[in-house]
Each structure stands twice: as C-alpha cells, then as structure tokens.
Amino acid sequence: QVQVAESGGGLVQAGGSLRLSCTGSGLALKDVTMGWFRQYPGKEREGVAAVNGDGSTTYLDSVKGRFTISLDKRKNTVTLQMNNLQPEDTAMYYCVAVQQGSRAQDLPRQAEYGYSGQGMLVTVSS
C-alpha cells in the first residue's frame, strides 16, 4: 500500500525559515516525481517544487532562490527547505508522488492520478 506522510510546517515570521519533509512508503522515489503544491483558501492550487528520480528539479517562479527541494533515496524522503518566507507563502502544503517527469506546475493536476499527503499548514506572519 502506497502512503505519503508529511512532517514540518508551522508558524514563522516573515523572513524566517521552515523545513517540510515527506516520506514515501510502498514506492521507489527513483521511479516517480515527488513535490509539493499549496493552496490558500479561495485561491487555486499551485505547484511549488518538484524533484525527479534523477535529482532534477523545477520550481514555481516566485519561490526560486528561496526554496530548495532535495531527494534522499536511501531514506525515501523528500525535503523542502523554505527560506526568506513571506506572508504570501501562507497556505496548506501537500506532498505528492506523481508520474515521473512531471514539473512543479503539473503537480496540482497530476495529484489526482497520484498519491497525496494530508497537508500541512504553513503560516507566515508579517
């Protein structure tokens, strides 16, 4: 049985940092694309960051230079390091495992055909 389990999230002031982690069980991370999409109430989902099994990454333009996604195949874990967080980053963040080769922008759509976690709330205060 495939499961995606998230940890991290929380409340931070603007300019601060948070780290999100996601562990996949029942699947090999080298064979899928892992990443996060986020959703703020009343807004559309947007793909934040994605990493493929070969380690290649893609990002939402607004987080480039601030967020870093990384893959640890031995631990079957993906980590999203978020630095210089801003109030507009406030949202529910969902970890997903989707079709190999997907880009960050594809994650909200591909999530319907893959596996998702329960979501974690990230709140950035001004």
Protein backbone atom coordinates (compact mmCIF):
# COMPACT_ATOMS: atom_id res chain seq x y z
CA GLN A 1 0.00 0.00 0.00
CA VAL A 2 1.42 3.37 -1.03
CA GLN A 3 1.46 6.10 1.58
CA VAL A 4 2.84 9.63 1.62
CA ALA A 5 3.50 11.07 5.08
CA GLU A 6 4.42 14.70 5.74
CA SER A 7 6.04 16.47 8.66
CA GLY A 8 7.01 20.05 9.38
CA GLY A 9 5.03 23.20 8.81
CA GLY A 10 4.00 25.71 11.44
CA LEU A 11 4.09 29.42 12.16
CA VAL A 12 7.03 31.68 11.33
CA GLN A 13 7.65 35.39 10.98
CA ALA A 14 8.39 36.95 7.61
CA GLY A 15 11.99 36.34 6.64
CA GLY A 16 12.15 33.13 8.64
CA SER A 17 12.65 29.51 7.54
CA LEU A 18 10.80 26.22 7.74
CA ARG A 19 11.56 22.71 6.54
CA LEU A 20 8.95 20.29 5.23
CA SER A 21 9.66 16.58 4.92
CA CYS A 22 7.80 13.86 3.10
CA THR A 23 8.37 10.11 3.29
CA GLY A 24 7.01 7.71 0.73
CA SER A 25 6.30 4.10 1.59
CA GLY A 26 5.32 1.38 -0.82
CA LEU A 27 7.02 3.11 -3.74
CA ALA A 28 10.51 3.83 -5.00
CA LEU A 29 11.22 7.55 -5.21
CA LYS A 30 13.58 6.97 -8.12
CA ASP A 31 10.58 5.97 -10.24
CA VAL A 32 8.29 8.94 -9.52
CA THR A 33 8.30 12.71 -9.26
CA MET A 34 7.88 13.99 -5.73
CA GLY A 35 6.96 17.50 -4.75
CA TRP A 36 4.61 19.94 -3.09
CA PHE A 37 1.70 22.01 -4.20
CA ARG A 38 -0.05 24.58 -2.00
CA GLN A 39 -3.48 26.04 -1.67
CA TYR A 40 -4.72 29.09 0.17
CA PRO A 41 -8.46 29.31 0.90
CA GLY A 42 -10.24 30.86 -2.04
CA LYS A 43 -7.27 30.51 -4.35
CA GLU A 44 -6.29 27.92 -6.92
CA ARG A 45 -3.74 25.24 -6.20
CA GLU A 46 -0.22 26.00 -7.39
CA GLY A 47 2.72 23.68 -7.78
CA VAL A 48 5.65 24.81 -5.64
CA ALA A 49 8.57 22.44 -6.27
CA ALA A 50 9.19 19.05 -7.83
CA VAL A 51 12.11 16.62 -7.91
CA ASN A 52 12.53 13.66 -10.26
CA GLY A 53 14.24 10.38 -9.54
CA ASP A 54 17.40 11.62 -11.23
CA GLY A 55 17.50 14.64 -8.89
CA SER A 56 16.42 17.24 -11.46
CA THR A 57 14.19 19.95 -10.01
CA THR A 58 11.63 22.55 -11.07
CA TYR A 59 10.13 25.43 -9.09
CA LEU A 60 7.35 27.96 -9.06
CA ASP A 61 8.90 31.24 -10.21
CA SER A 62 8.00 33.10 -7.02
CA VAL A 63 9.93 30.65 -4.81
CA LYS A 64 13.08 30.31 -6.92
CA GLY A 65 16.14 31.26 -4.89
CA ARG A 66 14.22 30.86 -1.63
CA PHE A 67 13.02 27.24 -1.64
CA THR A 68 15.14 24.13 -2.23
CA ILE A 69 13.78 20.65 -2.78
CA SER A 70 16.02 17.62 -2.30
CA LEU A 71 15.71 13.86 -2.53
CA ASP A 72 17.21 11.21 -0.24
CA LYS A 73 16.65 7.88 -1.98
CA ARG A 74 18.09 5.84 0.88
CA LYS A 75 15.55 7.25 3.32
CA ASN A 76 12.80 7.53 0.68
CA THR A 77 12.39 11.11 1.84
CA VAL A 78 11.97 14.44 0.10
CA THR A 79 12.71 17.70 1.88
CA LEU A 80 11.60 21.24 1.05
CA GLN A 81 13.76 23.87 2.70
CA MET A 82 11.92 27.20 2.68
CA ASN A 83 13.94 30.33 3.42
CA ASN A 84 13.01 34.01 3.50
CA LEU A 85 9.35 33.11 3.86
CA GLN A 86 6.82 35.81 3.08
CA PRO A 87 3.15 36.24 4.08
CA GLU A 88 2.09 35.27 0.56
CA ASP A 89 3.64 31.83 1.17
CA THR A 90 0.94 31.14 3.76
CA ALA A 91 -1.07 28.09 2.62
CA MET A 92 -1.75 24.40 3.10
CA TYR A 93 1.16 22.48 1.61
CA TYR A 94 0.57 18.99 0.23
CA CYS A 95 3.25 16.42 -0.61
CA VAL A 96 2.56 14.33 -3.69
CA ALA A 97 4.03 11.41 -5.59
CA VAL A 98 3.12 11.58 -9.27
CA GLN A 99 4.17 10.43 -12.71
CA GLN A 100 7.89 10.58 -13.41
CA GLY A 101 8.91 13.63 -15.41
CA SER A 102 6.28 15.98 -14.00
CA ARG A 103 7.17 19.63 -13.40
CA ALA A 104 6.17 21.78 -10.46
CA GLN A 105 3.40 23.39 -12.48
CA ASP A 106 1.97 19.94 -13.25
CA LEU A 107 1.61 18.82 -9.64
CA PRO A 108 -1.91 20.10 -8.86
CA ARG A 109 -3.33 18.32 -11.91
CA GLN A 110 -1.17 15.18 -11.63
CA ALA A 111 -2.06 14.82 -7.95
CA GLU A 112 -5.48 13.49 -8.97
CA TYR A 113 -3.74 10.46 -10.50
CA GLY A 114 -1.03 10.00 -7.88
CA TYR A 115 -0.68 9.90 -4.11
CA SER A 116 -1.02 12.84 -1.73
CA GLY A 117 -0.46 13.51 1.93
CA GLN A 118 -2.93 15.09 4.34
CA GLY A 119 -1.40 18.54 4.04
CA MET A 120 0.42 20.82 6.45
CA LEU A 121 -0.36 24.41 7.32
CA VAL A 122 2.39 26.97 6.84
CA THR A 123 1.60 30.41 8.27
CA VAL A 124 3.91 33.38 7.76
CA SER A 125 3.16 36.46 9.83
CA SER A 126 4.15 39.95 8.72
